[in-house]
Amino acid sequence: MLEIVLNNYEEQLHIAMQVLIAGVFGGMVGLEREYADKPAGLRTHAFVACTAALLVGMADILIAHFAVETAPQTLRTDPIRIVEAIVTGVAFLGAGTIFRHQHEDAVEGLTTAASLLLVAGIGIAVALSQWILALVITVLTLLLLRVARLLKPNS
């Protein structure tokens, strides 16, 4: 059974630390995007990663809170719905970074939109205490963005 602790300061500090770490990882990707002069940079990527970590980290707290107000046996939860909500929100942000040039047959901002989705995933991984996974994906993302920029002419 789910242990109900509403004012657990240790848990709150743990979530805050996860949000901070997710923000650092997301910010690292955002800093690379900012150096590449892309529409979403350090702050946006850090906020996306922080938000994802916060929402996933608060899932147990939300469940515990609402279990107190309703009969616990009637409360049905699906943790995947939190991830779906995060992806929906990031899709909205990502759509704002994508531009199609009318006079050229070119689309700009797809990589930045994809990197926003990826840092949300990194935030989720951090919130699930998957530290190595989050770190490795952050490093791989930075390497991929850097290498791709070096290989692309006129970038």
N, C-alpha and C. Protein backbone atom coordinates (compact mmCIF):
# COMPACT_ATOMS: atom_id res chain seq x y z
N MET A 1 0.84 -1.19 0.00
CA MET A 1 0.00 0.00 0.00
C MET A 1 0.88 1.24 0.00
N LEU A 2 0.39 2.27 -0.61
CA LEU A 2 1.12 3.52 -0.73
C LEU A 2 1.21 4.21 0.64
N GLU A 3 2.42 4.52 1.04
CA GLU A 3 2.61 5.22 2.32
C GLU A 3 2.21 6.68 2.13
N ILE A 4 1.31 7.14 2.98
CA ILE A 4 0.80 8.50 2.84
C ILE A 4 1.55 9.42 3.79
N VAL A 5 2.37 10.29 3.20
CA VAL A 5 3.11 11.27 3.96
C VAL A 5 2.98 12.60 3.22
N LEU A 6 2.18 13.51 3.75
CA LEU A 6 1.90 14.74 3.03
C LEU A 6 2.95 15.82 3.26
N ASN A 7 3.54 15.87 4.41
CA ASN A 7 4.52 16.92 4.70
C ASN A 7 5.90 16.33 4.88
N ASN A 8 6.32 15.51 3.96
CA ASN A 8 7.62 14.86 4.03
C ASN A 8 8.67 15.78 3.41
N TYR A 9 9.40 16.46 4.27
CA TYR A 9 10.39 17.43 3.79
C TYR A 9 11.55 16.75 3.07
N GLU A 10 11.91 15.57 3.49
CA GLU A 10 12.99 14.85 2.81
C GLU A 10 12.60 14.55 1.36
N GLU A 11 11.37 14.12 1.18
CA GLU A 11 10.88 13.83 -0.17
C GLU A 11 10.85 15.11 -1.02
N GLN A 12 10.42 16.21 -0.42
CA GLN A 12 10.39 17.48 -1.15
C GLN A 12 11.80 17.92 -1.53
N LEU A 13 12.75 17.76 -0.62
CA LEU A 13 14.14 18.12 -0.93
C LEU A 13 14.71 17.21 -2.01
N HIS A 14 14.34 15.94 -1.96
CA HIS A 14 14.80 15.00 -2.98
C HIS A 14 14.27 15.41 -4.36
N ILE A 15 12.99 15.75 -4.43
CA ILE A 15 12.41 16.19 -5.70
C ILE A 15 13.07 17.49 -6.16
N ALA A 16 13.29 18.42 -5.23
CA ALA A 16 13.95 19.68 -5.59
C ALA A 16 15.35 19.42 -6.15
N MET A 17 16.07 18.47 -5.56
CA MET A 17 17.41 18.13 -6.07
C MET A 17 17.31 17.51 -7.47
N GLN A 18 16.31 16.67 -7.68
CA GLN A 18 16.11 16.09 -9.01
C GLN A 18 15.79 17.17 -10.04
N VAL A 19 14.96 18.12 -9.65
CA VAL A 19 14.61 19.22 -10.55
C VAL A 19 15.86 20.04 -10.88
N LEU A 20 16.68 20.28 -9.90
CA LEU A 20 17.92 21.03 -10.12
C LEU A 20 18.85 20.29 -11.08
N ILE A 21 19.03 19.01 -10.84
CA ILE A 21 19.91 18.22 -11.72
C ILE A 21 19.34 18.17 -13.14
N ALA A 22 18.04 17.95 -13.26
CA ALA A 22 17.41 17.94 -14.59
C ALA A 22 17.62 19.29 -15.28
N GLY A 23 17.50 20.37 -14.52
CA GLY A 23 17.71 21.70 -15.08
C GLY A 23 19.13 21.90 -15.57
N VAL A 24 20.09 21.36 -14.85
CA VAL A 24 21.50 21.46 -15.28
C VAL A 24 21.70 20.68 -16.58
N PHE A 25 21.19 19.45 -16.62
CA PHE A 25 21.34 18.64 -17.83
C PHE A 25 20.62 19.30 -19.02
N GLY A 26 19.39 19.72 -18.80
CA GLY A 26 18.64 20.39 -19.87
C GLY A 26 19.30 21.69 -20.28
N GLY A 27 19.82 22.41 -19.30
CA GLY A 27 20.51 23.68 -19.58
C GLY A 27 21.76 23.49 -20.41
N MET A 28 22.43 22.36 -20.20
CA MET A 28 23.64 22.08 -21.00
C MET A 28 23.27 21.94 -22.47
N VAL A 29 22.19 21.23 -22.75
CA VAL A 29 21.72 21.09 -24.13
C VAL A 29 21.26 22.45 -24.65
N GLY A 30 20.55 23.19 -23.82
CA GLY A 30 20.07 24.51 -24.22
C GLY A 30 21.20 25.49 -24.50
N LEU A 31 22.26 25.38 -23.74
CA LEU A 31 23.42 26.25 -23.97
C LEU A 31 24.03 25.99 -25.34
N GLU A 32 24.09 24.72 -25.72
CA GLU A 32 24.58 24.38 -27.05
C GLU A 32 23.67 24.98 -28.11
N ARG A 33 22.35 24.90 -27.92
CA ARG A 33 21.40 25.45 -28.87
C ARG A 33 21.53 26.97 -28.93
N GLU A 34 21.81 27.58 -27.78
CA GLU A 34 21.97 29.03 -27.73
C GLU A 34 23.24 29.45 -28.48
N TYR A 35 24.33 28.70 -28.29
CA TYR A 35 25.57 28.99 -29.02
C TYR A 35 25.37 28.83 -30.53
N ALA A 36 24.46 27.93 -30.92
CA ALA A 36 24.15 27.74 -32.34
C ALA A 36 23.15 28.76 -32.84
N ASP A 37 22.77 29.71 -31.98
CA ASP A 37 21.83 30.79 -32.31
C ASP A 37 20.48 30.25 -32.77
N LYS A 38 19.95 29.31 -31.99
CA LYS A 38 18.66 28.70 -32.28
C LYS A 38 17.57 29.35 -31.43
N PRO A 39 16.29 29.17 -31.80
CA PRO A 39 15.21 29.91 -31.13
C PRO A 39 14.98 29.55 -29.66
N ALA A 40 15.30 28.35 -29.25
CA ALA A 40 15.13 27.97 -27.84
C ALA A 40 16.51 27.64 -27.28
N GLY A 41 16.86 28.31 -26.19
CA GLY A 41 18.20 28.15 -25.66
C GLY A 41 18.23 27.59 -24.26
N LEU A 42 19.18 28.08 -23.50
CA LEU A 42 19.46 27.58 -22.16
C LEU A 42 18.22 27.59 -21.26
N ARG A 43 17.57 28.71 -21.14
CA ARG A 43 16.43 28.82 -20.22
C ARG A 43 15.28 27.88 -20.62
N THR A 44 14.95 27.87 -21.90
CA THR A 44 13.83 27.04 -22.35
C THR A 44 14.11 25.56 -22.10
N HIS A 45 15.29 25.11 -22.48
CA HIS A 45 15.64 23.70 -22.28
C HIS A 45 15.71 23.35 -20.80
N ALA A 46 16.27 24.23 -20.01
CA ALA A 46 16.34 23.98 -18.56
C ALA A 46 14.94 23.91 -17.97
N PHE A 47 14.07 24.83 -18.37
CA PHE A 47 12.70 24.82 -17.84
C PHE A 47 11.95 23.55 -18.24
N VAL A 48 12.12 23.11 -19.47
CA VAL A 48 11.44 21.89 -19.91
C VAL A 48 11.91 20.69 -19.09
N ALA A 49 13.21 20.57 -18.91
CA ALA A 49 13.74 19.45 -18.12
C ALA A 49 13.29 19.54 -16.66
N CYS A 50 13.32 20.74 -16.11
CA CYS A 50 12.88 20.95 -14.72
C CYS A 50 11.40 20.59 -14.56
N THR A 51 10.58 21.04 -15.48
CA THR A 51 9.15 20.78 -15.41
C THR A 51 8.86 19.29 -15.49
N ALA A 52 9.53 18.60 -16.40
CA ALA A 52 9.32 17.15 -16.54
C ALA A 52 9.71 16.44 -15.24
N ALA A 53 10.85 16.81 -14.67
CA ALA A 53 11.29 16.18 -13.42
C ALA A 53 10.32 16.50 -12.28
N LEU A 54 9.85 17.72 -12.22
CA LEU A 54 8.92 18.12 -11.16
C LEU A 54 7.60 17.36 -11.25
N LEU A 55 7.04 17.28 -12.45
CA LEU A 55 5.76 16.60 -12.61
C LEU A 55 5.86 15.11 -12.29
N VAL A 56 6.91 14.47 -12.75
CA VAL A 56 7.08 13.05 -12.45
C VAL A 56 7.40 12.86 -10.97
N GLY A 57 8.23 13.73 -10.43
CA GLY A 57 8.58 13.63 -9.02
C GLY A 57 7.40 13.82 -8.09
N MET A 58 6.44 14.62 -8.49
CA MET A 58 5.27 14.89 -7.65
C MET A 58 4.17 13.85 -7.81
N ALA A 59 4.34 12.89 -8.68
CA ALA A 59 3.28 11.91 -8.93
C ALA A 59 2.87 11.19 -7.65
N ASP A 60 3.81 10.69 -6.88
CA ASP A 60 3.47 9.98 -5.64
C ASP A 60 2.80 10.91 -4.64
N ILE A 61 3.24 12.15 -4.59
CA ILE A 61 2.63 13.12 -3.68
C ILE A 61 1.18 13.39 -4.09
N LEU A 62 0.95 13.54 -5.38
CA LEU A 62 -0.41 13.75 -5.88
C LEU A 62 -1.31 12.56 -5.55
N ILE A 63 -0.80 11.38 -5.77
CA ILE A 63 -1.59 10.18 -5.48
C ILE A 63 -1.91 10.12 -3.99
N ALA A 64 -0.91 10.36 -3.15
CA ALA A 64 -1.13 10.33 -1.70
C ALA A 64 -2.14 11.40 -1.27
N HIS A 65 -2.02 12.57 -1.84
CA HIS A 65 -2.92 13.67 -1.49
C HIS A 65 -4.37 13.32 -1.82
N PHE A 66 -4.60 12.85 -3.02
CA PHE A 66 -5.96 12.56 -3.44
C PHE A 66 -6.50 11.26 -2.83
N ALA A 67 -5.61 10.36 -2.43
CA ALA A 67 -6.05 9.14 -1.75
C ALA A 67 -6.65 9.48 -0.39
N VAL A 68 -6.16 10.55 0.24
CA VAL A 68 -6.68 10.98 1.53
C VAL A 68 -8.09 11.55 1.36
N GLU A 69 -8.30 12.30 0.28
CA GLU A 69 -9.59 12.96 0.04
C GLU A 69 -10.66 12.02 -0.51
N THR A 70 -10.25 10.95 -1.18
CA THR A 70 -11.21 10.01 -1.74
C THR A 70 -10.92 8.63 -1.16
N ALA A 71 -11.77 7.72 -1.40
CA ALA A 71 -11.52 6.35 -0.96
C ALA A 71 -10.35 5.79 -1.76
N PRO A 72 -9.28 5.34 -1.10
CA PRO A 72 -8.09 4.87 -1.82
C PRO A 72 -8.38 3.79 -2.86
N GLN A 73 -9.37 2.94 -2.61
CA GLN A 73 -9.67 1.88 -3.57
C GLN A 73 -10.32 2.40 -4.85
N THR A 74 -10.87 3.62 -4.81
CA THR A 74 -11.48 4.18 -6.02
C THR A 74 -10.50 5.02 -6.84
N LEU A 75 -9.36 5.33 -6.27
CA LEU A 75 -8.36 6.13 -6.97
C LEU A 75 -7.58 5.23 -7.93
N ARG A 76 -7.67 5.55 -9.19
CA ARG A 76 -6.94 4.79 -10.20
C ARG A 76 -5.90 5.70 -10.82
N THR A 77 -4.70 5.20 -10.89
CA THR A 77 -3.61 6.02 -11.42
C THR A 77 -2.91 5.30 -12.57
N ASP A 78 -2.38 6.10 -13.45
CA ASP A 78 -1.59 5.59 -14.55
C ASP A 78 -0.42 6.56 -14.73
N PRO A 79 0.78 6.18 -14.30
CA PRO A 79 1.91 7.10 -14.38
C PRO A 79 2.26 7.52 -15.80
N ILE A 80 1.87 6.73 -16.76
CA ILE A 80 2.16 7.08 -18.16
C ILE A 80 1.41 8.34 -18.57
N ARG A 81 0.28 8.62 -17.94
CA ARG A 81 -0.49 9.83 -18.28
C ARG A 81 0.30 11.09 -17.98
N ILE A 82 1.13 11.07 -16.96
CA ILE A 82 1.98 12.23 -16.66
C ILE A 82 2.97 12.43 -17.80
N VAL A 83 3.56 11.34 -18.26
CA VAL A 83 4.50 11.43 -19.39
C VAL A 83 3.79 11.94 -20.63
N GLU A 84 2.57 11.46 -20.87
CA GLU A 84 1.80 11.93 -22.02
C GLU A 84 1.54 13.43 -21.94
N ALA A 85 1.23 13.92 -20.74
CA ALA A 85 0.99 15.36 -20.57
C ALA A 85 2.26 16.15 -20.82
N ILE A 86 3.38 15.64 -20.39
CA ILE A 86 4.67 16.31 -20.62
C ILE A 86 4.95 16.38 -22.12
N VAL A 87 4.77 15.28 -22.81
CA VAL A 87 5.02 15.24 -24.26
C VAL A 87 4.08 16.21 -24.99
N THR A 88 2.84 16.28 -24.57
CA THR A 88 1.89 17.20 -25.19
C THR A 88 2.34 18.65 -25.01
N GLY A 89 2.73 18.99 -23.80
CA GLY A 89 3.21 20.36 -23.54
C GLY A 89 4.46 20.69 -24.32
N VAL A 90 5.38 19.75 -24.40
CA VAL A 90 6.62 19.99 -25.14
C VAL A 90 6.34 20.09 -26.63
N ALA A 91 5.39 19.32 -27.12
CA ALA A 91 5.02 19.40 -28.54
C ALA A 91 4.53 20.80 -28.88
N PHE A 92 3.76 21.38 -27.98
CA PHE A 92 3.28 22.75 -28.17
C PHE A 92 4.46 23.72 -28.26
N LEU A 93 5.40 23.60 -27.34
CA LEU A 93 6.58 24.46 -27.37
C LEU A 93 7.42 24.22 -28.63
N GLY A 94 7.61 22.94 -28.94
CA GLY A 94 8.41 22.59 -30.11
C GLY A 94 7.82 23.14 -31.39
N ALA A 95 6.50 23.13 -31.50
CA ALA A 95 5.85 23.67 -32.70
C ALA A 95 6.17 25.15 -32.87
N GLY A 96 6.35 25.84 -31.77
CA GLY A 96 6.67 27.26 -31.84
C GLY A 96 8.09 27.54 -32.31
N THR A 97 8.94 26.51 -32.30
CA THR A 97 10.33 26.72 -32.74
C THR A 97 10.54 26.37 -34.20
N ILE A 98 9.53 25.79 -34.85
CA ILE A 98 9.67 25.32 -36.23
C ILE A 98 9.11 26.38 -37.19
N PHE A 99 9.92 26.74 -38.15
CA PHE A 99 9.54 27.74 -39.14
C PHE A 99 9.81 27.20 -40.53
N ARG A 100 8.90 27.48 -41.44
CA ARG A 100 9.10 27.14 -42.84
C ARG A 100 9.27 28.43 -43.60
N HIS A 101 10.32 28.50 -44.38
CA HIS A 101 10.58 29.68 -45.19
C HIS A 101 9.74 29.60 -46.47
N GLN A 102 9.00 30.66 -46.77
CA GLN A 102 8.11 30.65 -47.93
C GLN A 102 8.87 30.65 -49.25
N HIS A 103 9.96 31.40 -49.31
CA HIS A 103 10.66 31.56 -50.58
C HIS A 103 11.72 30.49 -50.79
N GLU A 104 12.03 29.78 -49.74
CA GLU A 104 13.01 28.71 -49.85
C GLU A 104 12.31 27.41 -49.49
N ASP A 105 12.82 26.34 -50.00
CA ASP A 105 12.26 25.04 -49.64
C ASP A 105 13.03 24.53 -48.42
N ALA A 106 12.87 25.24 -47.30
CA ALA A 106 13.63 24.89 -46.10
C ALA A 106 12.75 25.01 -44.85
N VAL A 107 13.02 24.14 -43.91
CA VAL A 107 12.37 24.17 -42.61
C VAL A 107 13.45 24.36 -41.56
N GLU A 108 13.18 25.23 -40.62
CA GLU A 108 14.16 25.52 -39.58
C GLU A 108 13.54 25.27 -38.22
N GLY A 109 14.31 24.75 -37.31
CA GLY A 109 13.88 24.57 -35.93
C GLY A 109 13.50 23.16 -35.54
N LEU A 110 13.56 22.22 -36.47
CA LEU A 110 13.20 20.84 -36.14
C LEU A 110 14.14 20.24 -35.10
N THR A 111 15.42 20.50 -35.23
CA THR A 111 16.39 19.96 -34.27
C THR A 111 16.16 20.55 -32.89
N THR A 112 15.86 21.83 -32.83
CA THR A 112 15.59 22.46 -31.53
C THR A 112 14.32 21.88 -30.92
N ALA A 113 13.30 21.67 -31.73
CA ALA A 113 12.06 21.05 -31.23
C ALA A 113 12.34 19.65 -30.70
N ALA A 114 13.15 18.91 -31.44
CA ALA A 114 13.51 17.55 -31.00
C ALA A 114 14.34 17.58 -29.73
N SER A 115 15.22 18.56 -29.61
CA SER A 115 16.05 18.65 -28.40
C SER A 115 15.19 19.02 -27.19
N LEU A 116 14.14 19.79 -27.38
CA LEU A 116 13.21 20.09 -26.28
C LEU A 116 12.52 18.81 -25.80
N LEU A 117 12.09 17.99 -26.74
CA LEU A 117 11.48 16.73 -26.37
C LEU A 117 12.48 15.83 -25.65
N LEU A 118 13.70 15.82 -26.13
CA LEU A 118 14.74 14.99 -25.51
C LEU A 118 15.06 15.44 -24.09
N VAL A 119 15.15 16.75 -23.85
CA VAL A 119 15.45 17.19 -22.48
C VAL A 119 14.27 16.90 -21.54
N ALA A 120 13.05 16.84 -22.08
CA ALA A 120 11.92 16.40 -21.25
C ALA A 120 12.15 14.95 -20.84
N GLY A 121 12.61 14.14 -21.76
CA GLY A 121 12.94 12.75 -21.44
C GLY A 121 14.06 12.65 -20.42
N ILE A 122 15.03 13.52 -20.53
CA ILE A 122 16.12 13.56 -19.55
C ILE A 122 15.57 13.94 -18.18
N GLY A 123 14.67 14.91 -18.15
CA GLY A 123 14.04 15.29 -16.88
C GLY A 123 13.26 14.14 -16.27
N ILE A 124 12.56 13.40 -17.10
CA ILE A 124 11.81 12.23 -16.62
C ILE A 124 12.78 11.19 -16.06
N ALA A 125 13.87 10.95 -16.77
CA ALA A 125 14.86 9.97 -16.30
C ALA A 125 15.44 10.38 -14.95
N VAL A 126 15.75 11.65 -14.80
CA VAL A 126 16.28 12.14 -13.52
C VAL A 126 15.25 11.94 -12.42
N ALA A 127 13.99 12.25 -12.69
CA ALA A 127 12.93 12.10 -11.69
C ALA A 127 12.74 10.65 -11.28
N LEU A 128 13.09 9.73 -12.16
CA LEU A 128 12.98 8.31 -11.86
C LEU A 128 14.30 7.76 -11.31
N SER A 129 15.22 8.67 -10.95
CA SER A 129 16.53 8.33 -10.39
C SER A 129 17.38 7.49 -11.33
N GLN A 130 17.21 7.72 -12.61
CA GLN A 130 18.02 7.05 -13.62
C GLN A 130 19.17 7.99 -14.01
N TRP A 131 20.05 8.23 -13.03
CA TRP A 131 21.10 9.25 -13.15
C TRP A 131 22.06 8.97 -14.30
N ILE A 132 22.53 7.74 -14.40
CA ILE A 132 23.50 7.40 -15.44
C ILE A 132 22.87 7.55 -16.81
N LEU A 133 21.66 7.05 -16.96
CA LEU A 133 20.94 7.20 -18.23
C LEU A 133 20.81 8.67 -18.61
N ALA A 134 20.38 9.49 -17.67
CA ALA A 134 20.20 10.92 -17.94
C ALA A 134 21.53 11.58 -18.33
N LEU A 135 22.58 11.25 -17.62
CA LEU A 135 23.89 11.84 -17.92
C LEU A 135 24.40 11.39 -19.29
N VAL A 136 24.30 10.09 -19.56
CA VAL A 136 24.78 9.57 -20.84
C VAL A 136 24.00 10.17 -22.00
N ILE A 137 22.68 10.27 -21.88
CA ILE A 137 21.87 10.85 -22.95
C ILE A 137 22.21 12.33 -23.14
N THR A 138 22.46 13.04 -22.04
CA THR A 138 22.86 14.45 -22.15
C THR A 138 24.17 14.58 -22.92
N VAL A 139 25.15 13.77 -22.56
CA VAL A 139 26.46 13.83 -23.23
C VAL A 139 26.32 13.43 -24.70
N LEU A 140 25.58 12.36 -24.97
CA LEU A 140 25.38 11.95 -26.36
C LEU A 140 24.67 13.02 -27.18
N THR A 141 23.71 13.67 -26.57
CA THR A 141 22.99 14.76 -27.26
C THR A 141 23.94 15.89 -27.61
N LEU A 142 24.76 16.29 -26.64
CA LEU A 142 25.72 17.37 -26.89
C LEU A 142 26.71 16.98 -27.98
N LEU A 143 27.18 15.75 -27.94
CA LEU A 143 28.11 15.29 -28.99
C LEU A 143 27.44 15.28 -30.35
N LEU A 144 26.22 14.76 -30.42
CA LEU A 144 25.51 14.70 -31.69
C LEU A 144 25.26 16.10 -32.25
N LEU A 145 24.82 17.01 -31.41
CA LEU A 145 24.58 18.38 -31.88
C LEU A 145 25.86 19.04 -32.36
N ARG A 146 26.95 18.83 -31.65
CA ARG A 146 28.23 19.44 -32.02
C ARG A 146 28.76 18.83 -33.31
N VAL A 147 28.77 17.51 -33.39
CA VAL A 147 29.30 16.83 -34.57
C VAL A 147 28.44 17.18 -35.79
N ALA A 148 27.14 17.17 -35.64
CA ALA A 148 26.26 17.49 -36.77
C ALA A 148 26.50 18.91 -37.26
N ARG A 149 26.76 19.83 -36.32
CA ARG A 149 27.00 21.22 -36.73
C ARG A 149 28.33 21.34 -37.47
N LEU A 150 29.33 20.57 -37.02
CA LEU A 150 30.64 20.61 -37.69
C LEU A 150 30.57 20.00 -39.09
N LEU A 151 29.74 19.00 -39.27
CA LEU A 151 29.64 18.31 -40.58
C LEU A 151 28.76 19.07 -41.57
N LYS A 152 27.86 19.91 -41.05
CA LYS A 152 26.94 20.62 -41.93
C LYS A 152 27.63 21.89 -42.47
N PRO A 153 27.69 22.02 -43.80
CA PRO A 153 28.31 23.24 -44.36
C PRO A 153 27.45 24.48 -44.08
N ASN A 154 28.11 25.61 -43.94
CA ASN A 154 27.45 26.90 -43.73
C ASN A 154 26.55 26.91 -42.50
N SER A 155 27.01 26.36 -41.39
CA SER A 155 26.19 26.41 -40.18
C SER A 155 26.91 27.10 -39.06
